N, C-alpha and C. Protein backbone atom coordinates (compact mmCIF):
# COMPACT_ATOMS: atom_id res chain seq x y z
N MET A 1 -0.70 25.44 6.88
CA MET A 1 -0.89 24.67 5.66
C MET A 1 -1.88 23.55 5.96
N GLY A 2 -2.94 23.46 5.21
CA GLY A 2 -3.97 22.46 5.45
C GLY A 2 -3.67 21.14 4.77
N LEU A 3 -4.34 20.12 5.22
CA LEU A 3 -4.23 18.80 4.61
C LEU A 3 -5.25 18.68 3.50
N ALA A 4 -4.91 17.90 2.50
CA ALA A 4 -5.84 17.72 1.38
C ALA A 4 -5.86 16.25 0.98
N ALA A 5 -7.01 15.79 0.61
CA ALA A 5 -7.16 14.44 0.07
C ALA A 5 -7.77 14.58 -1.32
N ARG A 6 -7.29 13.75 -2.23
CA ARG A 6 -7.83 13.77 -3.59
C ARG A 6 -8.33 12.37 -3.91
N PHE A 7 -9.47 12.29 -4.55
CA PHE A 7 -10.07 11.02 -4.90
C PHE A 7 -10.19 10.94 -6.42
N VAL A 8 -9.79 9.82 -6.97
CA VAL A 8 -9.83 9.60 -8.41
C VAL A 8 -10.57 8.30 -8.66
N ALA A 9 -11.50 8.30 -9.62
CA ALA A 9 -12.28 7.11 -9.93
C ALA A 9 -11.70 6.41 -11.16
N MET A 10 -10.78 5.49 -10.92
CA MET A 10 -10.24 4.62 -11.96
C MET A 10 -9.53 3.47 -11.27
N LYS A 11 -9.13 2.47 -12.01
CA LYS A 11 -8.42 1.34 -11.42
C LYS A 11 -7.14 1.82 -10.75
N ALA A 12 -6.80 1.20 -9.63
CA ALA A 12 -5.67 1.67 -8.82
C ALA A 12 -4.36 1.70 -9.60
N ASP A 13 -4.07 0.65 -10.36
CA ASP A 13 -2.79 0.64 -11.09
C ASP A 13 -2.78 1.72 -12.18
N GLU A 14 -3.92 1.96 -12.82
CA GLU A 14 -4.01 3.03 -13.81
C GLU A 14 -3.84 4.40 -13.15
N THR A 15 -4.44 4.57 -11.97
CA THR A 15 -4.33 5.83 -11.24
C THR A 15 -2.87 6.10 -10.87
N ALA A 16 -2.18 5.09 -10.37
CA ALA A 16 -0.78 5.28 -9.97
C ALA A 16 0.08 5.67 -11.17
N ARG A 17 -0.13 5.00 -12.30
CA ARG A 17 0.64 5.35 -13.49
C ARG A 17 0.31 6.76 -13.98
N PHE A 18 -0.98 7.13 -13.94
CA PHE A 18 -1.41 8.46 -14.33
C PHE A 18 -0.77 9.52 -13.45
N LEU A 19 -0.80 9.31 -12.15
CA LEU A 19 -0.22 10.28 -11.22
C LEU A 19 1.29 10.39 -11.39
N ALA A 20 1.96 9.27 -11.65
CA ALA A 20 3.41 9.29 -11.88
C ALA A 20 3.74 10.11 -13.13
N ARG A 21 2.97 9.91 -14.20
CA ARG A 21 3.20 10.69 -15.44
C ARG A 21 3.00 12.18 -15.18
N ALA A 22 2.07 12.52 -14.28
CA ALA A 22 1.78 13.92 -13.97
C ALA A 22 2.81 14.51 -13.00
N GLY A 23 3.74 13.68 -12.52
CA GLY A 23 4.75 14.16 -11.59
C GLY A 23 4.24 14.35 -10.17
N TYR A 24 3.12 13.73 -9.85
CA TYR A 24 2.53 13.85 -8.52
C TYR A 24 3.23 12.90 -7.55
N ARG A 25 3.61 13.40 -6.38
CA ARG A 25 4.25 12.57 -5.37
C ARG A 25 3.48 12.73 -4.05
N PRO A 26 2.66 11.75 -3.69
CA PRO A 26 1.92 11.86 -2.43
C PRO A 26 2.85 11.64 -1.23
N ASP A 27 2.49 12.17 -0.09
CA ASP A 27 3.25 11.92 1.13
C ASP A 27 3.03 10.49 1.60
N VAL A 28 1.79 10.03 1.49
CA VAL A 28 1.41 8.70 1.96
C VAL A 28 0.48 8.06 0.93
N ALA A 29 0.68 6.77 0.68
CA ALA A 29 -0.24 6.00 -0.17
C ALA A 29 -0.82 4.89 0.71
N ILE A 30 -2.11 4.64 0.55
CA ILE A 30 -2.78 3.57 1.31
C ILE A 30 -3.20 2.50 0.33
N LEU A 31 -2.73 1.27 0.57
CA LEU A 31 -3.10 0.13 -0.25
C LEU A 31 -3.94 -0.82 0.59
N ASP A 32 -5.11 -1.18 0.11
CA ASP A 32 -5.99 -2.14 0.79
C ASP A 32 -6.51 -3.11 -0.27
N PRO A 33 -5.62 -4.00 -0.73
CA PRO A 33 -5.98 -4.89 -1.84
C PRO A 33 -6.86 -6.06 -1.39
N PRO A 34 -7.43 -6.78 -2.35
CA PRO A 34 -8.17 -8.00 -2.03
C PRO A 34 -7.19 -9.09 -1.57
N ARG A 35 -7.70 -10.26 -1.23
CA ARG A 35 -6.86 -11.37 -0.76
C ARG A 35 -5.71 -11.72 -1.70
N THR A 36 -5.89 -11.47 -2.97
CA THR A 36 -4.85 -11.80 -3.95
C THR A 36 -3.67 -10.84 -3.89
N GLY A 37 -3.80 -9.76 -3.12
CA GLY A 37 -2.69 -8.84 -2.94
C GLY A 37 -2.66 -7.74 -3.98
N ALA A 38 -1.53 -7.03 -4.00
CA ALA A 38 -1.39 -5.85 -4.86
C ALA A 38 -0.25 -6.00 -5.84
N ALA A 39 0.03 -7.22 -6.29
CA ALA A 39 1.18 -7.46 -7.17
C ALA A 39 1.17 -6.55 -8.40
N GLU A 40 0.01 -6.34 -9.00
CA GLU A 40 -0.06 -5.53 -10.22
C GLU A 40 0.06 -4.04 -9.94
N LEU A 41 0.03 -3.65 -8.66
CA LEU A 41 0.07 -2.24 -8.28
C LEU A 41 1.40 -1.82 -7.67
N ILE A 42 2.17 -2.76 -7.19
CA ILE A 42 3.39 -2.46 -6.42
C ILE A 42 4.35 -1.55 -7.19
N GLU A 43 4.70 -1.90 -8.40
CA GLU A 43 5.67 -1.10 -9.15
C GLU A 43 5.16 0.32 -9.39
N ALA A 44 3.91 0.43 -9.82
CA ALA A 44 3.35 1.76 -10.10
C ALA A 44 3.27 2.60 -8.83
N ALA A 45 2.88 1.99 -7.71
CA ALA A 45 2.80 2.73 -6.44
C ALA A 45 4.18 3.15 -5.99
N ALA A 46 5.17 2.27 -6.11
CA ALA A 46 6.53 2.60 -5.69
C ALA A 46 7.13 3.71 -6.53
N ARG A 47 6.77 3.77 -7.80
CA ARG A 47 7.30 4.82 -8.68
C ARG A 47 6.78 6.21 -8.30
N LEU A 48 5.67 6.26 -7.55
CA LEU A 48 5.18 7.54 -7.05
C LEU A 48 6.08 8.07 -5.94
N ARG A 49 6.87 7.21 -5.34
CA ARG A 49 7.83 7.55 -4.29
C ARG A 49 7.20 8.23 -3.07
N PRO A 50 6.06 7.73 -2.58
CA PRO A 50 5.55 8.31 -1.33
C PRO A 50 6.52 8.01 -0.19
N ALA A 51 6.61 8.90 0.78
CA ALA A 51 7.49 8.69 1.92
C ALA A 51 7.05 7.48 2.74
N ALA A 52 5.74 7.20 2.73
CA ALA A 52 5.21 6.06 3.48
C ALA A 52 4.08 5.41 2.70
N ILE A 53 3.97 4.11 2.86
CA ILE A 53 2.85 3.35 2.31
C ILE A 53 2.21 2.62 3.49
N ILE A 54 0.91 2.75 3.62
CA ILE A 54 0.16 1.99 4.61
C ILE A 54 -0.49 0.84 3.85
N TYR A 55 -0.12 -0.38 4.22
CA TYR A 55 -0.61 -1.56 3.51
C TYR A 55 -1.53 -2.32 4.45
N VAL A 56 -2.79 -2.48 4.06
CA VAL A 56 -3.79 -3.20 4.84
C VAL A 56 -4.04 -4.54 4.15
N ALA A 57 -3.92 -5.62 4.90
CA ALA A 57 -4.05 -6.95 4.27
C ALA A 57 -4.96 -7.87 5.07
N CYS A 58 -5.68 -8.69 4.33
CA CYS A 58 -6.46 -9.75 4.96
C CYS A 58 -5.83 -11.11 4.68
N ASP A 59 -4.72 -11.12 3.96
CA ASP A 59 -3.99 -12.36 3.69
C ASP A 59 -2.50 -12.08 3.91
N VAL A 60 -1.96 -12.65 4.97
CA VAL A 60 -0.57 -12.38 5.34
C VAL A 60 0.40 -12.84 4.27
N ALA A 61 0.13 -13.96 3.60
CA ALA A 61 1.05 -14.49 2.59
C ALA A 61 1.22 -13.51 1.42
N THR A 62 0.12 -12.94 0.94
CA THR A 62 0.26 -12.00 -0.17
C THR A 62 0.87 -10.68 0.31
N MET A 63 0.61 -10.34 1.56
CA MET A 63 1.23 -9.13 2.11
C MET A 63 2.75 -9.29 2.16
N VAL A 64 3.22 -10.42 2.63
CA VAL A 64 4.67 -10.67 2.68
C VAL A 64 5.27 -10.61 1.28
N ARG A 65 4.61 -11.21 0.32
CA ARG A 65 5.08 -11.16 -1.07
C ARG A 65 5.20 -9.72 -1.55
N ASP A 66 4.16 -8.91 -1.28
CA ASP A 66 4.14 -7.53 -1.74
C ASP A 66 5.15 -6.66 -0.99
N LEU A 67 5.36 -6.91 0.30
CA LEU A 67 6.35 -6.15 1.05
C LEU A 67 7.76 -6.46 0.55
N LYS A 68 8.00 -7.71 0.16
CA LYS A 68 9.30 -8.06 -0.44
C LYS A 68 9.50 -7.30 -1.75
N ALA A 69 8.44 -7.20 -2.54
CA ALA A 69 8.53 -6.46 -3.80
C ALA A 69 8.80 -4.98 -3.53
N LEU A 70 8.15 -4.41 -2.53
CA LEU A 70 8.38 -3.01 -2.18
C LEU A 70 9.82 -2.79 -1.70
N ALA A 71 10.38 -3.77 -1.03
CA ALA A 71 11.78 -3.67 -0.58
C ALA A 71 12.71 -3.49 -1.77
N GLY A 72 12.38 -4.09 -2.89
CA GLY A 72 13.17 -3.94 -4.11
C GLY A 72 13.15 -2.53 -4.67
N PHE A 73 12.19 -1.72 -4.22
CA PHE A 73 12.09 -0.32 -4.65
C PHE A 73 12.57 0.64 -3.57
N GLY A 74 13.23 0.11 -2.53
CA GLY A 74 13.80 0.97 -1.50
C GLY A 74 12.91 1.21 -0.29
N TYR A 75 11.89 0.40 -0.10
CA TYR A 75 11.02 0.54 1.07
C TYR A 75 11.36 -0.53 2.11
N ARG A 76 11.07 -0.20 3.38
CA ARG A 76 11.25 -1.19 4.44
C ARG A 76 10.05 -1.12 5.38
N ALA A 77 9.64 -2.28 5.86
CA ALA A 77 8.53 -2.33 6.81
C ALA A 77 8.99 -1.73 8.13
N ASP A 78 8.26 -0.76 8.63
CA ASP A 78 8.62 -0.06 9.85
C ASP A 78 7.84 -0.60 11.05
N GLU A 79 6.56 -0.83 10.85
CA GLU A 79 5.71 -1.30 11.94
C GLU A 79 4.58 -2.13 11.36
N THR A 80 4.23 -3.18 12.05
CA THR A 80 3.14 -4.06 11.61
C THR A 80 2.25 -4.38 12.81
N ARG A 81 0.95 -4.32 12.60
CA ARG A 81 0.00 -4.64 13.67
C ARG A 81 -1.15 -5.47 13.13
N GLY A 82 -1.65 -6.36 13.97
CA GLY A 82 -2.81 -7.17 13.62
C GLY A 82 -4.05 -6.64 14.32
N PHE A 83 -5.18 -6.76 13.64
CA PHE A 83 -6.46 -6.30 14.19
C PHE A 83 -7.49 -7.40 14.01
N ASP A 84 -8.17 -7.74 15.09
CA ASP A 84 -9.21 -8.78 15.05
C ASP A 84 -10.57 -8.11 14.86
N PHE A 85 -10.88 -7.80 13.60
CA PHE A 85 -12.16 -7.16 13.29
C PHE A 85 -13.30 -8.17 13.21
N PHE A 86 -12.97 -9.44 13.17
CA PHE A 86 -13.97 -10.49 12.99
C PHE A 86 -13.86 -11.49 14.14
N PRO A 87 -14.33 -11.14 15.33
CA PRO A 87 -14.22 -12.05 16.48
C PRO A 87 -14.87 -13.40 16.19
N ASN A 88 -14.33 -14.40 16.82
CA ASN A 88 -14.83 -15.78 16.71
C ASN A 88 -14.63 -16.37 15.31
N THR A 89 -13.71 -15.78 14.53
CA THR A 89 -13.33 -16.36 13.24
C THR A 89 -11.80 -16.39 13.20
N HIS A 90 -11.25 -17.03 12.19
CA HIS A 90 -9.80 -17.07 12.04
C HIS A 90 -9.26 -15.88 11.25
N HIS A 91 -10.13 -14.96 10.85
CA HIS A 91 -9.72 -13.83 10.03
C HIS A 91 -9.05 -12.74 10.86
N LEU A 92 -8.00 -12.17 10.31
CA LEU A 92 -7.26 -11.12 10.97
C LEU A 92 -6.83 -10.10 9.92
N GLU A 93 -6.99 -8.83 10.20
CA GLU A 93 -6.49 -7.78 9.32
C GLU A 93 -5.10 -7.39 9.83
N VAL A 94 -4.17 -7.22 8.93
CA VAL A 94 -2.81 -6.82 9.30
C VAL A 94 -2.50 -5.51 8.58
N VAL A 95 -1.96 -4.55 9.32
CA VAL A 95 -1.60 -3.25 8.75
C VAL A 95 -0.11 -3.05 8.94
N ALA A 96 0.57 -2.69 7.85
CA ALA A 96 2.00 -2.42 7.91
C ALA A 96 2.27 -1.00 7.44
N ARG A 97 3.16 -0.34 8.15
CA ARG A 97 3.64 0.97 7.69
C ARG A 97 4.99 0.71 7.04
N VAL A 98 5.11 1.10 5.79
CA VAL A 98 6.31 0.86 4.99
C VAL A 98 6.90 2.21 4.64
N LEU A 99 8.19 2.39 4.93
CA LEU A 99 8.83 3.68 4.73
C LEU A 99 9.87 3.62 3.62
N LEU A 100 9.99 4.71 2.90
CA LEU A 100 11.02 4.84 1.88
C LEU A 100 12.35 5.10 2.57
N THR A 101 13.34 4.29 2.26
CA THR A 101 14.64 4.44 2.94
C THR A 101 15.58 5.31 2.14
């Protein structure tokens, strides 16, 4: 059985709601929101019920807020790692794997 990726050109929250209405359940969802986080996307993404969500953040505060929101939908942070993609600056990318419990 091969792997498949599908790409849709629309706003992320609209895409998640569209896919949920279609009964689509991805194995993994990847969220890479701007510094303001993914507050408007969390509920729609969680309703898709992916087994795992990979959350990439450039702002730890909004990531923590969004991970707390995901916990309310039955997800828990499994692993978190920081990446220094911007040496000699204070910027750090943080990636969390969030699993459906």
